[in-house]
Amino acid sequence: MSVLSRMARGMLGGLALAAATGAVGVRAAAAQAALSVKSGINVAPDTVKVGDPFHVVVGIRAPRGATIEFPRLLDSAGAVQSLDPVAVRTSADTSAIEQYGDYRVAAWDVDSQRVHIPDVLVRLNGAERRVEVSGVVYVQSVLPQDSTQRVPKPPRPIFETTMFPWWLWALLAAAALALIVGLWWWWRRRRRPGAGHALPPYERAIAEFERVDALGLIEAGERGRYVTLVVEVLRDYLAARYAQAGLSLTSSELARSMRELPDVPGDRLTRLLTEADLIKFARRPVSGDRAREIGRDARAIVEAEHEASRPVETAEAAA
């Protein structure tokens, strides 16, 4: 093939490509011309306060077959900003495509503010068109109309100069409360039976034994607690009668100190204290009958000591 033939063929190919490109451009221009779009905007209400939500509805009408893309949110840099993503609804009109984008927004500045919607994109047969829509809303201030009428209070002094400062009233109130509590405690103590005078050790021990029996601990299954309480009554009695029977002594120390006293049944006391310690500290099980026997033994030791320590009444003294 000659050089002229190859040049001729290249020229023909270039002409064909130019013709095809021109045809595409003609069709795109025709489609662009056929893509007629109508738009509108509605701001409701048109007067709001700062931060109050309101709605901006953008309507787009395009030929059948077109697609409409609304921006999801408003520009966050403006004074009017979106609260929710856009809600799109389509009209029932079949002669064209008609859609509405509902924006729930709020304004964050006062006076007249421009509501700018980013471009709405409309596409049809490869052609696209950007539609710019904007509106206006008036934003009222939440401040009073005339703030000069608001006279602030004068500043308070750092140190109070009143005759009776607050801390003095607080001290008086605390003293009065303490006095009331003290009087109430004294009155309750006076009403307590036997508060005016202390009972003798024997009478107090008998009263405590009766109080423990009235609790019904054995019937309630608290046999170990019953044994512990009656032994405590016995020890309180011995401590009140003898200086060497202090409550700080252990059971073995108490038993040794009581052996030297003729009025105290030492062997009986030792057996009772040993068994009570096993029940109290070693969790030794005890039956209800045995718990009652321990209570009777404790009371019997108190009564035996009381009878043995009483002075012998001679016939002449009785007369």
C-alpha atoms as a PDB file:
ATOM      1  CA  MET A   1       0.000   0.000   0.000  1.00  0.00           C
ATOM      2  CA  SER A   2       1.375   3.368  -0.952  1.00  0.00           C
ATOM      3  CA  VAL A   3       1.911   6.258   1.439  1.00  0.00           C
ATOM      4  CA  LEU A   4      -0.885   8.241  -0.236  1.00  0.00           C
ATOM      5  CA  SER A   5      -3.321   5.397   0.337  1.00  0.00           C
ATOM      6  CA  ARG A   6      -2.486   5.186   4.039  1.00  0.00           C
ATOM      7  CA  MET A   7      -2.872   8.980   4.416  1.00  0.00           C
ATOM      8  CA  ALA A   8      -6.208   8.890   2.656  1.00  0.00           C
ATOM      9  CA  ARG A   9      -7.447   6.106   4.912  1.00  0.00           C
ATOM     10  CA  GLY A  10      -6.343   8.022   8.059  1.00  0.00           C
ATOM     11  CA  MET A  11      -8.117  11.151   6.918  1.00  0.00           C
ATOM     12  CA  LEU A  12     -11.307   9.205   6.312  1.00  0.00           C
ATOM     13  CA  GLY A  13     -11.116   7.653   9.817  1.00  0.00           C
ATOM     14  CA  GLY A  14     -10.626  11.072  11.410  1.00  0.00           C
ATOM     15  CA  LEU A  15     -13.613  12.442   9.564  1.00  0.00           C
ATOM     16  CA  ALA A  16     -15.750   9.517  10.709  1.00  0.00           C
ATOM     17  CA  LEU A  17     -14.679   9.979  14.387  1.00  0.00           C
ATOM     18  CA  ALA A  18     -15.426  13.701  14.214  1.00  0.00           C
ATOM     19  CA  ALA A  19     -18.804  13.003  12.741  1.00  0.00           C
ATOM     20  CA  ALA A  20     -19.606  10.489  15.514  1.00  0.00           C
ATOM     21  CA  THR A  21     -18.434  12.879  18.248  1.00  0.00           C
ATOM     22  CA  GLY A  22     -20.482  15.653  16.770  1.00  0.00           C
ATOM     23  CA  ALA A  23     -23.525  13.411  16.710  1.00  0.00           C
ATOM     24  CA  VAL A  24     -23.101  12.561  20.410  1.00  0.00           C
ATOM     25  CA  GLY A  25     -22.674  16.209  21.273  1.00  0.00           C
ATOM     26  CA  VAL A  26     -25.777  17.080  19.290  1.00  0.00           C
ATOM     27  CA  ARG A  27     -27.779  14.402  21.134  1.00  0.00           C
ATOM     28  CA  ALA A  28     -26.469  15.572  24.559  1.00  0.00           C
ATOM     29  CA  ALA A  29     -27.312  19.154  23.700  1.00  0.00           C
ATOM     30  CA  ALA A  30     -30.746  18.085  22.619  1.00  0.00           C
ATOM     31  CA  ALA A  31     -31.255  16.125  25.837  1.00  0.00           C
ATOM     32  CA  GLN A  32     -30.019  19.074  27.880  1.00  0.00           C
ATOM     33  CA  ALA A  33     -32.455  21.328  26.071  1.00  0.00           C
ATOM     34  CA  ALA A  34     -35.275  18.824  26.678  1.00  0.00           C
ATOM     35  CA  LEU A  35     -34.469  18.623  30.445  1.00  0.00           C
ATOM     36  CA  SER A  36     -36.700  21.429  31.658  1.00  0.00           C
ATOM     37  CA  VAL A  37     -36.910  21.593  35.466  1.00  0.00           C
ATOM     38  CA  LYS A  38     -39.185  23.635  37.709  1.00  0.00           C
ATOM     39  CA  SER A  39     -38.326  24.245  41.352  1.00  0.00           C
ATOM     40  CA  GLY A  40     -39.829  25.916  44.377  1.00  0.00           C
ATOM     41  CA  ILE A  41     -39.233  26.311  48.125  1.00  0.00           C
ATOM     42  CA  ASN A  42     -41.531  26.803  51.110  1.00  0.00           C
ATOM     43  CA  VAL A  43     -40.359  27.846  54.599  1.00  0.00           C
ATOM     44  CA  ALA A  44     -42.906  27.208  57.364  1.00  0.00           C
ATOM     45  CA  PRO A  45     -43.169  29.139  59.528  1.00  0.00           C
ATOM     46  CA  ASP A  46     -41.357  32.094  58.068  1.00  0.00           C
ATOM     47  CA  THR A  47     -40.659  33.623  61.519  1.00  0.00           C
ATOM     48  CA  VAL A  48     -39.053  31.543  64.275  1.00  0.00           C
ATOM     49  CA  LYS A  49     -36.943  31.926  67.407  1.00  0.00           C
ATOM     50  CA  VAL A  50     -33.355  30.835  67.894  1.00  0.00           C
ATOM     51  CA  GLY A  51     -33.188  27.042  68.182  1.00  0.00           C
ATOM     52  CA  ASP A  52     -36.852  26.448  67.310  1.00  0.00           C
ATOM     53  CA  PRO A  53     -37.296  23.693  64.687  1.00  0.00           C
ATOM     54  CA  PHE A  54     -39.098  24.527  61.439  1.00  0.00           C
ATOM     55  CA  HIS A  55     -39.527  22.916  58.004  1.00  0.00           C
ATOM     56  CA  VAL A  56     -38.123  23.787  54.600  1.00  0.00           C
ATOM     57  CA  VAL A  57     -39.808  21.962  51.698  1.00  0.00           C
ATOM     58  CA  VAL A  58     -38.129  21.953  48.264  1.00  0.00           C
ATOM     59  CA  GLY A  59     -40.211  20.891  45.263  1.00  0.00           C
ATOM     60  CA  ILE A  60     -38.700  19.723  41.923  1.00  0.00           C
ATOM     61  CA  ARG A  61     -40.699  18.934  38.760  1.00  0.00           C
ATOM     62  CA  ALA A  62     -38.888  17.230  35.855  1.00  0.00           C
ATOM     63  CA  PRO A  63     -39.881  15.274  32.709  1.00  0.00           C
ATOM     64  CA  ARG A  64     -40.918  11.639  32.989  1.00  0.00           C
ATOM     65  CA  GLY A  65     -38.025   9.225  33.322  1.00  0.00           C
ATOM     66  CA  ALA A  66     -35.786  11.693  35.131  1.00  0.00           C
ATOM     67  CA  THR A  67     -34.187  10.967  38.510  1.00  0.00           C
ATOM     68  CA  ILE A  68     -33.960  13.580  41.261  1.00  0.00           C
ATOM     69  CA  GLU A  69     -31.287  13.504  43.988  1.00  0.00           C
ATOM     70  CA  PHE A  70     -31.839  15.782  46.988  1.00  0.00           C
ATOM     71  CA  PRO A  71     -28.872  16.605  49.244  1.00  0.00           C
ATOM     72  CA  ARG A  72     -29.124  14.680  52.509  1.00  0.00           C
ATOM     73  CA  LEU A  73     -28.389  17.641  54.822  1.00  0.00           C
ATOM     74  CA  LEU A  74     -27.982  21.398  54.658  1.00  0.00           C
ATOM     75  CA  ASP A  75     -24.582  23.016  54.810  1.00  0.00           C
ATOM     76  CA  SER A  76     -23.391  22.776  58.452  1.00  0.00           C
ATOM     77  CA  ALA A  77     -21.418  26.023  58.128  1.00  0.00           C
ATOM     78  CA  GLY A  78     -24.532  28.171  57.710  1.00  0.00           C
ATOM     79  CA  ALA A  79     -26.749  29.730  60.343  1.00  0.00           C
ATOM     80  CA  VAL A  80     -29.600  27.371  59.368  1.00  0.00           C
ATOM     81  CA  GLN A  81     -28.659  23.736  59.985  1.00  0.00           C
ATOM     82  CA  SER A  82     -30.396  20.390  59.582  1.00  0.00           C
ATOM     83  CA  LEU A  83     -31.851  18.541  62.555  1.00  0.00           C
ATOM     84  CA  ASP A  84     -32.851  15.398  60.620  1.00  0.00           C
ATOM     85  CA  PRO A  85     -31.960  13.898  57.218  1.00  0.00           C
ATOM     86  CA  VAL A  86     -34.182  14.907  54.302  1.00  0.00           C
ATOM     87  CA  ALA A  87     -37.519  13.124  53.887  1.00  0.00           C
ATOM     88  CA  VAL A  88     -38.448  12.674  50.199  1.00  0.00           C
ATOM     89  CA  ARG A  89     -41.981  12.085  48.927  1.00  0.00           C
ATOM     90  CA  THR A  90     -43.204  11.664  45.340  1.00  0.00           C
ATOM     91  CA  SER A  91     -46.333  13.233  43.871  1.00  0.00           C
ATOM     92  CA  ALA A  92     -49.017  11.064  42.279  1.00  0.00           C
ATOM     93  CA  ASP A  93     -48.879  13.087  39.048  1.00  0.00           C
ATOM     94  CA  THR A  94     -48.049  10.735  36.112  1.00  0.00           C
ATOM     95  CA  SER A  95     -47.473  13.395  33.467  1.00  0.00           C
ATOM     96  CA  ALA A  96     -44.076  14.240  35.008  1.00  0.00           C
ATOM     97  CA  ILE A  97     -41.831  13.306  37.888  1.00  0.00           C
ATOM     98  CA  GLU A  98     -42.516  15.565  40.852  1.00  0.00           C
ATOM     99  CA  GLN A  99     -40.781  15.116  44.219  1.00  0.00           C
ATOM    100  CA  TYR A 100     -40.565  17.076  47.438  1.00  0.00           C
ATOM    101  CA  GLY A 101     -37.658  17.127  49.906  1.00  0.00           C
ATOM    102  CA  ASP A 102     -38.676  17.998  53.482  1.00  0.00           C
ATOM    103  CA  TYR A 103     -35.869  19.359  55.689  1.00  0.00           C
ATOM    104  CA  ARG A 104     -36.373  19.764  59.446  1.00  0.00           C
ATOM    105  CA  VAL A 105     -33.980  22.557  60.443  1.00  0.00           C
ATOM    106  CA  ALA A 106     -33.221  25.152  63.109  1.00  0.00           C
ATOM    107  CA  ALA A 107     -31.646  28.613  62.954  1.00  0.00           C
ATOM    108  CA  TRP A 108     -28.858  29.630  65.317  1.00  0.00           C
ATOM    109  CA  ASP A 109     -28.574  33.342  64.564  1.00  0.00           C
ATOM    110  CA  VAL A 110     -31.020  36.254  64.704  1.00  0.00           C
ATOM    111  CA  ASP A 111     -32.499  38.560  62.055  1.00  0.00           C
ATOM    112  CA  SER A 112     -33.089  37.567  58.421  1.00  0.00           C
ATOM    113  CA  GLN A 113     -31.208  34.374  57.517  1.00  0.00           C
ATOM    114  CA  ARG A 114     -30.790  32.802  54.085  1.00  0.00           C
ATOM    115  CA  VAL A 115     -31.820  29.152  53.801  1.00  0.00           C
ATOM    116  CA  HIS A 116     -29.461  27.685  51.238  1.00  0.00           C
ATOM    117  CA  ILE A 117     -30.145  24.226  49.859  1.00  0.00           C
ATOM    118  CA  PRO A 118     -27.166  22.553  48.173  1.00  0.00           C
ATOM    119  CA  ASP A 119     -27.689  21.829  44.469  1.00  0.00           C
ATOM    120  CA  VAL A 120     -30.396  19.301  43.600  1.00  0.00           C
ATOM    121  CA  LEU A 121     -29.170  16.931  40.851  1.00  0.00           C
ATOM    122  CA  VAL A 122     -31.598  15.971  38.056  1.00  0.00           C
ATOM    123  CA  ARG A 123     -30.570  13.314  35.466  1.00  0.00           C
ATOM    124  CA  LEU A 124     -32.306  12.269  32.210  1.00  0.00           C
ATOM    125  CA  ASN A 125     -30.864  10.158  29.340  1.00  0.00           C
ATOM    126  CA  GLY A 126     -27.250  10.897  30.279  1.00  0.00           C
ATOM    127  CA  ALA A 127     -27.865  14.598  30.740  1.00  0.00           C
ATOM    128  CA  GLU A 128     -27.830  16.151  34.208  1.00  0.00           C
ATOM    129  CA  ARG A 129     -28.791  19.482  35.637  1.00  0.00           C
ATOM    130  CA  ARG A 130     -28.028  21.089  38.962  1.00  0.00           C
ATOM    131  CA  VAL A 131     -30.799  23.149  40.489  1.00  0.00           C
ATOM    132  CA  GLU A 132     -29.998  25.746  43.140  1.00  0.00           C
ATOM    133  CA  VAL A 133     -32.810  26.604  45.565  1.00  0.00           C
ATOM    134  CA  SER A 134     -32.763  29.091  48.444  1.00  0.00           C
ATOM    135  CA  GLY A 135     -35.193  30.841  50.784  1.00  0.00           C
ATOM    136  CA  VAL A 136     -35.305  33.282  53.679  1.00  0.00           C
ATOM    137  CA  VAL A 137     -36.430  32.941  57.305  1.00  0.00           C
ATOM    138  CA  TYR A 138     -36.634  35.601  59.979  1.00  0.00           C
ATOM    139  CA  VAL A 139     -35.216  34.614  63.378  1.00  0.00           C
ATOM    140  CA  GLN A 140     -36.375  36.465  66.485  1.00  0.00           C
ATOM    141  CA  SER A 141     -34.168  37.006  69.532  1.00  0.00           C
ATOM    142  CA  VAL A 142     -35.066  35.348  72.824  1.00  0.00           C
ATOM    143  CA  LEU A 143     -33.755  38.316  74.831  1.00  0.00           C
ATOM    144  CA  PRO A 144     -36.169  40.939  76.230  1.00  0.00           C
ATOM    145  CA  GLN A 145     -36.878  43.830  73.926  1.00  0.00           C
ATOM    146  CA  ASP A 146     -35.400  46.396  76.297  1.00  0.00           C
ATOM    147  CA  SER A 147     -32.777  44.966  78.612  1.00  0.00           C
ATOM    148  CA  THR A 148     -31.953  48.385  80.044  1.00  0.00           C
ATOM    149  CA  GLN A 149     -35.075  48.159  82.233  1.00  0.00           C
ATOM    150  CA  ARG A 150     -33.577  45.197  84.070  1.00  0.00           C
ATOM    151  CA  VAL A 151     -31.727  46.694  87.017  1.00  0.00           C
ATOM    152  CA  PRO A 152     -29.400  44.133  88.652  1.00  0.00           C
ATOM    153  CA  LYS A 153     -29.104  43.837  92.418  1.00  0.00           C
ATOM    154  CA  PRO A 154     -26.141  45.579  94.028  1.00  0.00           C
ATOM    155  CA  PRO A 155     -23.160  43.321  94.832  1.00  0.00           C
ATOM    156  CA  ARG A 156     -23.125  41.749  98.272  1.00  0.00           C
ATOM    157  CA  PRO A 157     -20.232  42.543 100.598  1.00  0.00           C
ATOM    158  CA  ILE A 158     -17.555  39.912 101.106  1.00  0.00           C
ATOM    159  CA  PHE A 159     -17.991  39.992 104.887  1.00  0.00           C
ATOM    160  CA  GLU A 160     -21.396  40.286 106.518  1.00  0.00           C
ATOM    161  CA  THR A 161     -21.749  43.288 108.803  1.00  0.00           C
ATOM    162  CA  THR A 162     -25.097  42.394 110.407  1.00  0.00           C
ATOM    163  CA  MET A 163     -25.484  42.382 114.178  1.00  0.00           C
ATOM    164  CA  PHE A 164     -26.191  38.628 114.282  1.00  0.00           C
ATOM    165  CA  PRO A 165     -24.161  36.710 111.647  1.00  0.00           C
ATOM    166  CA  TRP A 166     -25.410  33.408 110.285  1.00  0.00           C
ATOM    167  CA  TRP A 167     -22.866  31.311 112.184  1.00  0.00           C
ATOM    168  CA  LEU A 168     -24.171  32.672 115.495  1.00  0.00           C
ATOM    169  CA  TRP A 169     -27.691  31.515 114.601  1.00  0.00           C
ATOM    170  CA  ALA A 170     -26.260  28.118 113.634  1.00  0.00           C
ATOM    171  CA  LEU A 171     -24.548  27.769 117.025  1.00  0.00           C
ATOM    172  CA  LEU A 172     -27.736  28.732 118.853  1.00  0.00           C
ATOM    173  CA  ALA A 173     -29.726  26.191 116.864  1.00  0.00           C
ATOM    174  CA  ALA A 174     -27.159  23.444 117.589  1.00  0.00           C
ATOM    175  CA  ALA A 175     -27.207  24.281 121.305  1.00  0.00           C
ATOM    176  CA  ALA A 176     -30.999  24.193 121.392  1.00  0.00           C
ATOM    177  CA  LEU A 177     -31.030  20.837 119.628  1.00  0.00           C
ATOM    178  CA  ALA A 178     -28.484  19.381 122.049  1.00  0.00           C
ATOM    179  CA  LEU A 179     -30.561  20.630 124.995  1.00  0.00           C
ATOM    180  CA  ILE A 180     -33.724  19.050 123.620  1.00  0.00           C
ATOM    181  CA  VAL A 181     -31.968  15.715 123.029  1.00  0.00           C
ATOM    182  CA  GLY A 182     -30.496  15.764 126.550  1.00  0.00           C
ATOM    183  CA  LEU A 183     -33.876  16.489 128.148  1.00  0.00           C
ATOM    184  CA  TRP A 184     -35.508  13.718 126.115  1.00  0.00           C
ATOM    185  CA  TRP A 185     -32.815  11.231 127.168  1.00  0.00           C
ATOM    186  CA  TRP A 186     -33.161  12.233 130.837  1.00  0.00           C
ATOM    187  CA  TRP A 187     -36.931  11.941 130.673  1.00  0.00           C
ATOM    188  CA  ARG A 188     -36.760   8.456 129.082  1.00  0.00           C
ATOM    189  CA  ARG A 189     -34.242   7.340 131.682  1.00  0.00           C
ATOM    190  CA  ARG A 190     -36.490   8.540 134.509  1.00  0.00           C
ATOM    191  CA  ARG A 191     -39.437   6.578 133.096  1.00  0.00           C
ATOM    192  CA  ARG A 192     -37.413   3.333 133.081  1.00  0.00           C
ATOM    193  CA  PRO A 193     -38.433   1.053 135.985  1.00  0.00           C
ATOM    194  CA  GLY A 194     -35.800   0.895 138.676  1.00  0.00           C
ATOM    195  CA  ALA A 195     -33.796   3.745 137.150  1.00  0.00           C
ATOM    196  CA  GLY A 196     -33.778   5.710 140.404  1.00  0.00           C
ATOM    197  CA  HIS A 197     -32.026   2.957 142.355  1.00  0.00           C
ATOM    198  CA  ALA A 198     -30.013  -0.110 141.427  1.00  0.00           C
ATOM    199  CA  LEU A 199     -31.375  -3.528 142.298  1.00  0.00           C
ATOM    200  CA  PRO A 200     -29.347  -5.843 144.541  1.00  0.00           C
ATOM    201  CA  PRO A 201     -27.273  -8.425 142.624  1.00  0.00           C
ATOM    202  CA  TYR A 202     -29.519 -11.379 143.507  1.00  0.00           C
ATOM    203  CA  GLU A 203     -32.780  -9.639 142.574  1.00  0.00           C
ATOM    204  CA  ARG A 204     -31.240  -8.332 139.359  1.00  0.00           C
ATOM    205  CA  ALA A 205     -29.997 -11.844 138.453  1.00  0.00           C
ATOM    206  CA  ILE A 206     -33.422 -13.428 139.069  1.00  0.00           C
ATOM    207  CA  ALA A 207     -35.071 -10.722 136.945  1.00  0.00           C
ATOM    208  CA  GLU A 208     -32.567 -11.341 134.133  1.00  0.00           C
ATOM    209  CA  PHE A 209     -33.157 -15.110 134.250  1.00  0.00           C
ATOM    210  CA  GLU A 210     -36.893 -14.524 133.904  1.00  0.00           C
ATOM    211  CA  ARG A 211     -36.329 -12.081 131.045  1.00  0.00           C
ATOM    212  CA  VAL A 212     -34.190 -14.619 129.140  1.00  0.00           C
ATOM    213  CA  ASP A 213     -36.813 -17.359 129.683  1.00  0.00           C
ATOM    214  CA  ALA A 214     -39.514 -14.997 128.353  1.00  0.00           C
ATOM    215  CA  LEU A 215     -37.648 -14.580 125.051  1.00  0.00           C
ATOM    216  CA  GLY A 216     -38.597 -18.116 123.982  1.00  0.00           C
ATOM    217  CA  LEU A 217     -35.197 -18.818 122.460  1.00  0.00           C
ATOM    218  CA  ILE A 218     -35.338 -22.584 123.013  1.00  0.00           C
ATOM    219  CA  GLU A 219     -38.707 -22.833 121.292  1.00  0.00           C
ATOM    220  CA  ALA A 220     -37.330 -20.761 118.399  1.00  0.00           C
ATOM    221  CA  GLY A 221     -34.337 -23.080 117.928  1.00  0.00           C
ATOM    222  CA  GLU A 222     -31.805 -20.602 119.396  1.00  0.00           C
ATOM    223  CA  ARG A 223     -30.564 -23.016 122.079  1.00  0.00           C
ATOM    224  CA  GLY A 224     -26.917 -21.908 121.890  1.00  0.00           C
ATOM    225  CA  ARG A 225     -27.903 -18.291 122.335  1.00  0.00           C
ATOM    226  CA  TYR A 226     -30.046 -19.207 125.344  1.00  0.00           C
ATOM    227  CA  VAL A 227     -27.096 -20.954 127.020  1.00  0.00           C
ATOM    228  CA  THR A 228     -24.845 -17.946 126.312  1.00  0.00           C
ATOM    229  CA  LEU A 229     -27.320 -15.505 127.893  1.00  0.00           C
ATOM    230  CA  VAL A 230     -27.953 -17.478 131.091  1.00  0.00           C
ATOM    231  CA  VAL A 231     -24.192 -17.925 131.617  1.00  0.00           C
ATOM    232  CA  GLU A 232     -23.716 -14.175 131.156  1.00  0.00           C
ATOM    233  CA  VAL A 233     -26.349 -13.551 133.856  1.00  0.00           C
ATOM    234  CA  LEU A 234     -24.449 -15.914 136.167  1.00  0.00           C
ATOM    235  CA  ARG A 235     -21.128 -14.177 135.499  1.00  0.00           C
ATOM    236  CA  ASP A 236     -22.669 -10.726 136.019  1.00  0.00           C
ATOM    237  CA  TYR A 237     -23.957 -11.875 139.414  1.00  0.00           C
ATOM    238  CA  LEU A 238     -20.590 -13.251 140.492  1.00  0.00           C
ATOM    239  CA  ALA A 239     -18.806 -10.088 139.289  1.00  0.00           C
ATOM    240  CA  ALA A 240     -21.206  -7.958 141.316  1.00  0.00           C
ATOM    241  CA  ARG A 241     -20.635 -10.109 144.430  1.00  0.00           C
ATOM    242  CA  TYR A 242     -16.857 -10.663 144.270  1.00  0.00           C
ATOM    243  CA  ALA A 243     -14.036  -8.447 143.123  1.00  0.00           C
ATOM    244  CA  GLN A 244     -11.959 -11.422 141.933  1.00  0.00           C
ATOM    245  CA  ALA A 245     -14.740 -12.513 139.511  1.00  0.00           C
ATOM    246  CA  GLY A 246     -14.178  -9.787 136.917  1.00  0.00           C
ATOM    247  CA  LEU A 247     -15.912 -10.016 133.551  1.00  0.00           C
ATOM    248  CA  SER A 248     -12.545  -9.810 131.778  1.00  0.00           C
ATOM    249  CA  LEU A 249     -11.545 -13.261 133.080  1.00  0.00           C
ATOM    250  CA  THR A 250     -11.793 -16.347 130.925  1.00  0.00           C
ATOM    251  CA  SER A 251     -13.990 -19.219 132.030  1.00  0.00           C
ATOM    252  CA  SER A 252     -11.035 -21.221 133.351  1.00  0.00           C
ATOM    253  CA  GLU A 253      -9.632 -18.202 135.215  1.00  0.00           C
ATOM    254  CA  LEU A 254     -13.032 -17.533 136.770  1.00  0.00           C
ATOM    255  CA  ALA A 255     -13.396 -21.170 137.866  1.00  0.00           C
ATOM    256  CA  ARG A 256      -9.951 -21.128 139.554  1.00  0.00           C
ATOM    257  CA  SER A 257     -10.671 -17.881 141.391  1.00  0.00           C
ATOM    258  CA  MET A 258     -14.041 -19.154 142.641  1.00  0.00           C
ATOM    259  CA  ARG A 259     -12.660 -22.417 144.119  1.00  0.00           C
ATOM    260  CA  GLU A 260     -11.272 -20.562 147.123  1.00  0.00           C
ATOM    261  CA  LEU A 261     -14.701 -19.177 148.089  1.00  0.00           C
ATOM    262  CA  PRO A 262     -16.717 -21.407 150.424  1.00  0.00           C
ATOM    263  CA  ASP A 263     -20.110 -20.010 149.386  1.00  0.00           C
ATOM    264  CA  VAL A 264     -19.708 -20.801 145.656  1.00  0.00           C
ATOM    265  CA  PRO A 265     -20.151 -24.420 144.433  1.00  0.00           C
ATOM    266  CA  GLY A 266     -16.852 -24.531 142.516  1.00  0.00           C
ATOM    267  CA  ASP A 267     -17.119 -27.959 140.869  1.00  0.00           C
ATOM    268  CA  ARG A 268     -20.618 -27.291 139.644  1.00  0.00           C
ATOM    269  CA  LEU A 269     -19.568 -23.878 138.321  1.00  0.00           C
ATOM    270  CA  THR A 270     -16.539 -25.361 136.500  1.00  0.00           C
ATOM    271  CA  ARG A 271     -18.629 -28.006 134.722  1.00  0.00           C
ATOM    272  CA  LEU A 272     -21.210 -25.410 133.689  1.00  0.00           C
ATOM    273  CA  LEU A 273     -18.637 -22.957 132.324  1.00  0.00           C
ATOM    274  CA  THR A 274     -16.751 -25.679 130.411  1.00  0.00           C
ATOM    275  CA  GLU A 275     -19.879 -26.974 128.692  1.00  0.00           C
ATOM    276  CA  ALA A 276     -21.055 -23.426 127.899  1.00  0.00           C
ATOM    277  CA  ASP A 277     -17.710 -22.647 126.235  1.00  0.00           C
ATOM    278  CA  LEU A 278     -18.001 -25.762 124.048  1.00  0.00           C
ATOM    279  CA  ILE A 279     -21.475 -24.696 122.967  1.00  0.00           C
ATOM    280  CA  LYS A 280     -20.532 -21.041 122.436  1.00  0.00           C
ATOM    281  CA  PHE A 281     -17.115 -21.331 120.779  1.00  0.00           C
ATOM    282  CA  ALA A 282     -16.863 -24.910 119.454  1.00  0.00           C
ATOM    283  CA  ARG A 283     -20.430 -24.942 118.057  1.00  0.00           C
ATOM    284  CA  ARG A 284     -21.239 -28.050 120.091  1.00  0.00           C
ATOM    285  CA  PRO A 285     -24.883 -29.019 119.463  1.00  0.00           C
ATOM    286  CA  VAL A 286     -27.193 -28.868 122.452  1.00  0.00           C
ATOM    287  CA  SER A 287     -30.717 -30.165 122.777  1.00  0.00           C
ATOM    288  CA  GLY A 288     -33.600 -28.156 124.128  1.00  0.00           C
ATOM    289  CA  ASP A 289     -33.840 -30.232 127.300  1.00  0.00           C
ATOM    290  CA  ARG A 290     -30.111 -29.859 127.994  1.00  0.00           C
ATOM    291  CA  ALA A 291     -30.317 -26.104 127.399  1.00  0.00           C
ATOM    292  CA  ARG A 292     -33.104 -25.883 129.998  1.00  0.00           C
ATOM    293  CA  GLU A 293     -30.987 -27.914 132.448  1.00  0.00           C
ATOM    294  CA  ILE A 294     -28.062 -25.508 131.961  1.00  0.00           C
ATOM    295  CA  GLY A 295     -30.397 -22.596 132.654  1.00  0.00           C
ATOM    296  CA  ARG A 296     -31.651 -24.283 135.834  1.00  0.00           C
ATOM    297  CA  ASP A 297     -28.069 -25.039 136.927  1.00  0.00           C
ATOM    298  CA  ALA A 298     -27.015 -21.405 136.421  1.00  0.00           C
ATOM    299  CA  ARG A 299     -29.965 -20.215 138.461  1.00  0.00           C
ATOM    300  CA  ALA A 300     -29.309 -22.845 141.127  1.00  0.00           C
ATOM    301  CA  ILE A 301     -25.681 -21.681 141.511  1.00  0.00           C
ATOM    302  CA  VAL A 302     -26.891 -18.104 142.040  1.00  0.00           C
ATOM    303  CA  GLU A 303     -29.468 -19.188 144.606  1.00  0.00           C
ATOM    304  CA  ALA A 304     -26.987 -21.482 146.389  1.00  0.00           C
ATOM    305  CA  GLU A 305     -24.421 -18.693 146.690  1.00  0.00           C
ATOM    306  CA  HIS A 306     -27.116 -16.266 147.836  1.00  0.00           C
ATOM    307  CA  GLU A 307     -28.381 -18.621 150.546  1.00  0.00           C
ATOM    308  CA  ALA A 308     -24.872 -19.554 151.720  1.00  0.00           C
ATOM    309  CA  SER A 309     -23.738 -15.943 151.972  1.00  0.00           C
ATOM    310  CA  ARG A 310     -26.753 -14.800 154.032  1.00  0.00           C
ATOM    311  CA  PRO A 311     -26.062 -14.331 157.770  1.00  0.00           C
ATOM    312  CA  VAL A 312     -27.379 -17.120 160.026  1.00  0.00           C
ATOM    313  CA  GLU A 313     -30.444 -15.927 161.916  1.00  0.00           C
ATOM    314  CA  THR A 314     -30.417 -17.137 165.481  1.00  0.00           C
ATOM    315  CA  ALA A 315     -33.489 -17.559 167.496  1.00  0.00           C
ATOM    316  CA  GLU A 316     -32.670 -14.503 169.529  1.00  0.00           C
ATOM    317  CA  ALA A 317     -32.238 -12.388 166.389  1.00  0.00           C
ATOM    318  CA  ALA A 318     -35.511 -13.680 165.018  1.00  0.00           C
ATOM    319  CA  ALA A 319     -37.214 -12.800 168.266  1.00  0.00           C
END
